[in-house]
């Protein structure tokens, strides 16, 4: 459920948060996560990395629909052989930026999942 920080429904989506069990993910954390996901998705689309672009898009869509499982979906892309961590873009500066975004996205998703833990 999307709510504003006062606990009231936020139909404008300006201060989006996700309610997880009894916790609420900080609006600034979620906004930053969504911005980082948008940028990473764009970088991956530009590099024709369709698999990881679609993976992040699916998780982003879930988060945008107040579904904290989107963070779990995104986190499952990290770690192990062939993971998002292993992806290198041949575009130099774009690869550096993707590395920064991966770290930020991981932290943001952890904040969501940590808030939703029972």
N, C-alpha and C. Protein backbone atom coordinates (compact mmCIF):
# COMPACT_ATOMS: atom_id res chain seq x y z
N UNK A 1 0.84 -1.17 0.00
CA UNK A 1 0.00 0.00 0.00
C UNK A 1 0.88 1.24 0.00
N UNK A 2 0.65 2.15 -0.89
CA UNK A 2 1.38 3.41 -0.90
C UNK A 2 0.74 4.34 0.11
N UNK A 3 1.56 4.93 0.95
CA UNK A 3 1.05 5.89 1.93
C UNK A 3 2.01 7.05 1.99
N UNK A 4 1.51 8.20 2.44
CA UNK A 4 2.43 9.30 2.70
C UNK A 4 2.99 9.08 4.09
N UNK A 5 3.94 9.91 4.51
CA UNK A 5 4.57 9.70 5.80
C UNK A 5 3.61 9.88 6.95
N UNK A 6 2.43 10.45 6.74
CA UNK A 6 1.44 10.61 7.78
C UNK A 6 0.49 9.43 7.87
N UNK A 7 0.71 8.40 7.08
CA UNK A 7 -0.11 7.20 7.13
C UNK A 7 -1.37 7.27 6.30
N UNK A 8 -1.54 8.31 5.52
CA UNK A 8 -2.72 8.47 4.69
C UNK A 8 -2.40 8.04 3.26
N UNK A 9 -3.39 7.49 2.53
CA UNK A 9 -3.13 7.11 1.14
C UNK A 9 -2.58 8.28 0.34
N UNK A 10 -1.58 8.01 -0.45
CA UNK A 10 -0.94 9.04 -1.26
C UNK A 10 -1.20 8.74 -2.72
N UNK A 11 -2.24 9.32 -3.24
CA UNK A 11 -2.61 9.05 -4.62
C UNK A 11 -1.72 9.78 -5.61
N UNK A 12 -1.01 10.81 -5.16
CA UNK A 12 -0.14 11.57 -6.05
C UNK A 12 1.20 10.88 -6.23
N UNK A 13 1.52 9.88 -5.41
CA UNK A 13 2.78 9.14 -5.51
C UNK A 13 4.00 10.02 -5.29
N UNK A 14 3.83 11.22 -4.72
CA UNK A 14 4.95 12.12 -4.54
C UNK A 14 5.88 11.67 -3.41
N UNK A 15 5.34 11.08 -2.38
CA UNK A 15 6.14 10.65 -1.25
C UNK A 15 5.91 9.16 -1.02
N UNK A 16 6.24 8.39 -2.03
CA UNK A 16 5.95 6.98 -2.04
C UNK A 16 6.76 6.24 -0.97
N UNK A 17 6.08 5.38 -0.26
CA UNK A 17 6.71 4.46 0.67
C UNK A 17 6.02 3.11 0.52
N UNK A 18 6.64 2.09 1.01
CA UNK A 18 6.04 0.76 0.99
C UNK A 18 5.84 0.33 2.43
N UNK A 19 4.62 -0.06 2.75
CA UNK A 19 4.36 -0.64 4.06
C UNK A 19 4.74 -2.11 3.99
N UNK A 20 5.57 -2.54 4.91
CA UNK A 20 6.01 -3.92 4.97
C UNK A 20 5.75 -4.40 6.39
N UNK A 21 4.78 -5.31 6.55
CA UNK A 21 4.38 -5.77 7.87
C UNK A 21 4.03 -4.54 8.70
N UNK A 22 4.78 -4.30 9.79
CA UNK A 22 4.51 -3.15 10.65
C UNK A 22 5.46 -1.99 10.38
N UNK A 23 6.33 -2.13 9.41
CA UNK A 23 7.34 -1.11 9.14
C UNK A 23 6.99 -0.35 7.87
N UNK A 24 7.56 0.81 7.74
CA UNK A 24 7.39 1.62 6.54
C UNK A 24 8.79 1.98 6.03
N UNK A 25 9.05 1.71 4.75
CA UNK A 25 10.32 2.06 4.15
C UNK A 25 10.36 3.57 3.97
N UNK A 26 11.45 4.16 4.37
CA UNK A 26 11.63 5.60 4.25
C UNK A 26 11.42 6.06 2.82
N UNK A 27 10.64 7.12 2.67
CA UNK A 27 10.30 7.63 1.33
C UNK A 27 11.54 8.03 0.55
N UNK A 28 12.51 8.65 1.20
CA UNK A 28 13.72 9.09 0.50
C UNK A 28 14.52 7.89 0.00
N UNK A 29 14.58 6.82 0.79
CA UNK A 29 15.29 5.61 0.38
C UNK A 29 14.61 5.00 -0.84
N UNK A 30 13.30 4.91 -0.79
CA UNK A 30 12.56 4.32 -1.90
C UNK A 30 12.66 5.18 -3.15
N UNK A 31 12.56 6.48 -3.00
CA UNK A 31 12.68 7.37 -4.16
C UNK A 31 14.05 7.24 -4.81
N UNK A 32 15.09 7.19 -4.00
CA UNK A 32 16.45 7.03 -4.52
C UNK A 32 16.60 5.68 -5.23
N UNK A 33 16.05 4.64 -4.63
CA UNK A 33 16.11 3.31 -5.25
C UNK A 33 15.43 3.31 -6.61
N UNK A 34 14.25 3.92 -6.69
CA UNK A 34 13.52 3.94 -7.96
C UNK A 34 14.30 4.73 -9.02
N UNK A 35 14.92 5.84 -8.63
CA UNK A 35 15.72 6.62 -9.58
C UNK A 35 16.92 5.82 -10.06
N UNK A 36 17.58 5.12 -9.13
CA UNK A 36 18.73 4.30 -9.52
C UNK A 36 18.31 3.16 -10.44
N UNK A 37 17.18 2.55 -10.15
CA UNK A 37 16.68 1.49 -11.02
C UNK A 37 16.38 2.03 -12.41
N UNK A 38 15.75 3.20 -12.48
CA UNK A 38 15.45 3.79 -13.79
C UNK A 38 16.72 4.02 -14.59
N UNK A 39 17.76 4.55 -13.92
CA UNK A 39 19.01 4.82 -14.62
C UNK A 39 19.70 3.52 -15.05
N UNK A 40 19.71 2.53 -14.18
CA UNK A 40 20.33 1.25 -14.53
C UNK A 40 19.59 0.58 -15.68
N UNK A 41 18.28 0.62 -15.64
CA UNK A 41 17.47 0.03 -16.71
C UNK A 41 17.79 0.72 -18.04
N UNK A 42 17.92 2.02 -18.01
CA UNK A 42 18.26 2.77 -19.22
C UNK A 42 19.65 2.39 -19.75
N UNK A 43 20.63 2.31 -18.84
CA UNK A 43 21.98 1.91 -19.25
C UNK A 43 21.97 0.52 -19.88
N UNK A 44 21.26 -0.40 -19.25
CA UNK A 44 21.20 -1.76 -19.76
C UNK A 44 20.47 -1.83 -21.10
N UNK A 45 19.42 -1.05 -21.25
CA UNK A 45 18.70 -1.00 -22.52
C UNK A 45 19.63 -0.48 -23.62
N UNK A 46 20.37 0.60 -23.32
CA UNK A 46 21.30 1.18 -24.30
C UNK A 46 22.40 0.20 -24.71
N UNK A 47 22.76 -0.70 -23.78
CA UNK A 47 23.81 -1.67 -24.05
C UNK A 47 23.25 -2.98 -24.60
N UNK A 48 21.95 -3.01 -24.90
CA UNK A 48 21.28 -4.21 -25.42
C UNK A 48 21.40 -5.40 -24.47
N UNK A 49 21.40 -5.13 -23.18
CA UNK A 49 21.42 -6.17 -22.16
C UNK A 49 19.97 -6.44 -21.73
N UNK A 50 19.24 -7.09 -22.63
CA UNK A 50 17.80 -7.28 -22.46
C UNK A 50 17.44 -8.09 -21.22
N UNK A 51 18.21 -9.14 -20.94
CA UNK A 51 17.89 -10.00 -19.80
C UNK A 51 17.90 -9.21 -18.50
N UNK A 52 18.99 -8.51 -18.21
CA UNK A 52 19.09 -7.79 -16.93
C UNK A 52 18.22 -6.55 -16.92
N UNK A 53 18.02 -5.95 -18.06
CA UNK A 53 17.10 -4.81 -18.13
C UNK A 53 15.70 -5.25 -17.74
N UNK A 54 15.25 -6.37 -18.29
CA UNK A 54 13.91 -6.88 -17.98
C UNK A 54 13.82 -7.33 -16.53
N UNK A 55 14.89 -7.91 -16.00
CA UNK A 55 14.91 -8.37 -14.61
C UNK A 55 14.69 -7.19 -13.66
N UNK A 56 15.47 -6.13 -13.88
CA UNK A 56 15.34 -4.95 -13.01
C UNK A 56 13.99 -4.28 -13.21
N UNK A 57 13.51 -4.25 -14.44
CA UNK A 57 12.21 -3.63 -14.71
C UNK A 57 11.09 -4.35 -13.97
N UNK A 58 11.15 -5.67 -13.96
CA UNK A 58 10.13 -6.45 -13.25
C UNK A 58 10.11 -6.09 -11.76
N UNK A 59 11.29 -6.06 -11.15
CA UNK A 59 11.37 -5.70 -9.74
C UNK A 59 10.92 -4.28 -9.48
N UNK A 60 11.29 -3.37 -10.37
CA UNK A 60 10.89 -1.97 -10.23
C UNK A 60 9.37 -1.84 -10.31
N UNK A 61 8.78 -2.56 -11.26
CA UNK A 61 7.32 -2.51 -11.41
C UNK A 61 6.63 -3.02 -10.15
N UNK A 62 7.17 -4.08 -9.56
CA UNK A 62 6.59 -4.60 -8.33
C UNK A 62 6.70 -3.56 -7.21
N UNK A 63 7.85 -2.94 -7.08
CA UNK A 63 8.02 -1.91 -6.05
C UNK A 63 7.07 -0.74 -6.29
N UNK A 64 6.92 -0.35 -7.55
CA UNK A 64 6.02 0.76 -7.87
C UNK A 64 4.58 0.44 -7.53
N UNK A 65 4.26 -0.85 -7.46
CA UNK A 65 2.91 -1.30 -7.09
C UNK A 65 2.85 -1.69 -5.61
N UNK A 66 3.78 -1.16 -4.82
CA UNK A 66 3.82 -1.37 -3.37
C UNK A 66 4.07 -2.82 -2.98
N UNK A 67 4.72 -3.57 -3.83
CA UNK A 67 5.02 -4.97 -3.56
C UNK A 67 6.50 -5.09 -3.19
N UNK A 68 6.76 -5.30 -1.90
CA UNK A 68 8.14 -5.40 -1.42
C UNK A 68 8.87 -6.61 -2.00
N UNK A 69 8.14 -7.57 -2.58
CA UNK A 69 8.79 -8.71 -3.21
C UNK A 69 9.65 -8.29 -4.40
N UNK A 70 9.38 -7.10 -4.93
CA UNK A 70 10.22 -6.58 -6.01
C UNK A 70 11.67 -6.44 -5.57
N UNK A 71 11.88 -6.04 -4.32
CA UNK A 71 13.24 -5.92 -3.80
C UNK A 71 13.91 -7.29 -3.70
N UNK A 72 13.15 -8.30 -3.27
CA UNK A 72 13.69 -9.65 -3.20
C UNK A 72 14.05 -10.16 -4.60
N UNK A 73 13.19 -9.85 -5.56
CA UNK A 73 13.45 -10.26 -6.95
C UNK A 73 14.76 -9.64 -7.43
N UNK A 74 14.92 -8.35 -7.19
CA UNK A 74 16.14 -7.66 -7.64
C UNK A 74 17.36 -8.22 -6.93
N UNK A 75 17.28 -8.43 -5.62
CA UNK A 75 18.42 -8.97 -4.88
C UNK A 75 18.84 -10.34 -5.38
N UNK A 76 17.90 -11.10 -5.92
CA UNK A 76 18.24 -12.43 -6.42
C UNK A 76 19.12 -12.37 -7.67
N UNK A 77 19.27 -11.19 -8.25
CA UNK A 77 20.15 -11.01 -9.42
C UNK A 77 21.61 -10.86 -9.02
N UNK A 78 21.87 -10.66 -7.73
CA UNK A 78 23.23 -10.42 -7.25
C UNK A 78 23.85 -11.72 -6.73
N UNK A 79 25.13 -11.90 -6.98
CA UNK A 79 25.87 -13.04 -6.43
C UNK A 79 25.80 -14.26 -7.32
N UNK A 80 26.86 -15.05 -7.28
CA UNK A 80 26.92 -16.26 -8.07
C UNK A 80 27.43 -16.01 -9.48
N UNK A 81 27.82 -17.09 -10.13
CA UNK A 81 28.33 -16.97 -11.50
C UNK A 81 27.23 -16.52 -12.45
N UNK A 82 27.56 -15.62 -13.34
CA UNK A 82 26.61 -15.14 -14.33
C UNK A 82 25.60 -14.16 -13.78
N UNK A 83 25.86 -13.63 -12.60
CA UNK A 83 24.92 -12.69 -11.97
C UNK A 83 25.10 -11.28 -12.53
N UNK A 84 24.23 -10.42 -12.09
CA UNK A 84 24.32 -9.02 -12.48
C UNK A 84 25.67 -8.43 -12.07
N UNK A 85 26.25 -8.93 -10.99
CA UNK A 85 27.56 -8.46 -10.54
C UNK A 85 28.64 -8.72 -11.58
N UNK A 86 28.49 -9.77 -12.37
CA UNK A 86 29.50 -10.15 -13.35
C UNK A 86 29.41 -9.37 -14.65
N UNK A 87 28.33 -8.64 -14.84
CA UNK A 87 28.11 -7.95 -16.10
C UNK A 87 29.07 -6.78 -16.28
N UNK A 88 29.73 -6.74 -17.42
CA UNK A 88 30.60 -5.63 -17.79
C UNK A 88 30.05 -5.01 -19.07
N UNK A 89 29.94 -3.71 -19.07
CA UNK A 89 29.55 -2.99 -20.28
C UNK A 89 30.81 -2.51 -20.97
N UNK A 90 30.86 -2.64 -22.26
CA UNK A 90 32.06 -2.28 -23.03
C UNK A 90 32.18 -0.78 -23.23
N UNK A 91 31.31 0.00 -22.61
CA UNK A 91 31.26 1.42 -22.90
C UNK A 91 32.08 2.29 -21.95
N UNK A 92 32.98 1.71 -21.15
CA UNK A 92 33.86 2.48 -20.27
C UNK A 92 33.12 3.18 -19.15
N UNK A 93 32.84 4.49 -19.30
CA UNK A 93 32.18 5.23 -18.23
C UNK A 93 30.81 4.65 -17.85
N UNK A 94 30.11 4.07 -18.81
CA UNK A 94 28.82 3.46 -18.51
C UNK A 94 29.00 2.28 -17.57
N UNK A 95 30.09 1.53 -17.74
CA UNK A 95 30.36 0.40 -16.85
C UNK A 95 30.65 0.89 -15.43
N UNK A 96 31.41 1.98 -15.31
CA UNK A 96 31.69 2.55 -13.99
C UNK A 96 30.39 2.99 -13.32
N UNK A 97 29.53 3.61 -14.08
CA UNK A 97 28.26 4.07 -13.52
C UNK A 97 27.37 2.89 -13.13
N UNK A 98 27.36 1.86 -13.94
CA UNK A 98 26.56 0.68 -13.61
C UNK A 98 27.07 0.05 -12.31
N UNK A 99 28.38 0.03 -12.12
CA UNK A 99 28.94 -0.50 -10.87
C UNK A 99 28.42 0.30 -9.67
N UNK A 100 28.43 1.62 -9.77
CA UNK A 100 27.91 2.47 -8.69
C UNK A 100 26.43 2.21 -8.45
N UNK A 101 25.68 2.10 -9.54
CA UNK A 101 24.24 1.87 -9.42
C UNK A 101 23.94 0.51 -8.80
N UNK A 102 24.70 -0.51 -9.17
CA UNK A 102 24.49 -1.83 -8.58
C UNK A 102 24.64 -1.77 -7.07
N UNK A 103 25.67 -1.10 -6.59
CA UNK A 103 25.88 -0.99 -5.15
C UNK A 103 24.72 -0.25 -4.48
N UNK A 104 24.30 0.84 -5.06
CA UNK A 104 23.21 1.63 -4.50
C UNK A 104 21.88 0.87 -4.54
N UNK A 105 21.63 0.17 -5.63
CA UNK A 105 20.40 -0.62 -5.76
C UNK A 105 20.39 -1.74 -4.72
N UNK A 106 21.52 -2.41 -4.55
CA UNK A 106 21.61 -3.47 -3.55
C UNK A 106 21.28 -2.93 -2.16
N UNK A 107 21.89 -1.78 -1.81
CA UNK A 107 21.63 -1.18 -0.49
C UNK A 107 20.16 -0.80 -0.34
N UNK A 108 19.57 -0.20 -1.37
CA UNK A 108 18.17 0.19 -1.31
C UNK A 108 17.24 -1.00 -1.17
N UNK A 109 17.53 -2.06 -1.91
CA UNK A 109 16.70 -3.27 -1.81
C UNK A 109 16.85 -3.93 -0.46
N UNK A 110 18.06 -3.91 0.09
CA UNK A 110 18.26 -4.45 1.44
C UNK A 110 17.46 -3.66 2.46
N UNK A 111 17.39 -2.35 2.29
CA UNK A 111 16.58 -1.53 3.21
C UNK A 111 15.11 -1.94 3.15
N UNK A 112 14.63 -2.23 1.95
CA UNK A 112 13.23 -2.67 1.80
C UNK A 112 13.04 -4.04 2.44
N UNK A 113 13.93 -4.98 2.14
CA UNK A 113 13.74 -6.34 2.68
C UNK A 113 13.97 -6.37 4.18
N UNK A 114 14.90 -5.57 4.69
CA UNK A 114 15.12 -5.53 6.14
C UNK A 114 13.90 -4.96 6.86
N UNK A 115 13.22 -4.01 6.21
CA UNK A 115 12.01 -3.42 6.79
C UNK A 115 10.86 -4.40 6.78
N UNK A 116 10.89 -5.35 5.85
CA UNK A 116 9.77 -6.27 5.73
C UNK A 116 9.99 -7.56 6.52
N UNK A 117 11.16 -7.70 7.15
CA UNK A 117 11.42 -8.92 7.93
C UNK A 117 10.52 -8.94 9.16
N UNK A 118 9.99 -10.12 9.49
CA UNK A 118 9.08 -10.22 10.66
C UNK A 118 9.79 -9.94 11.96
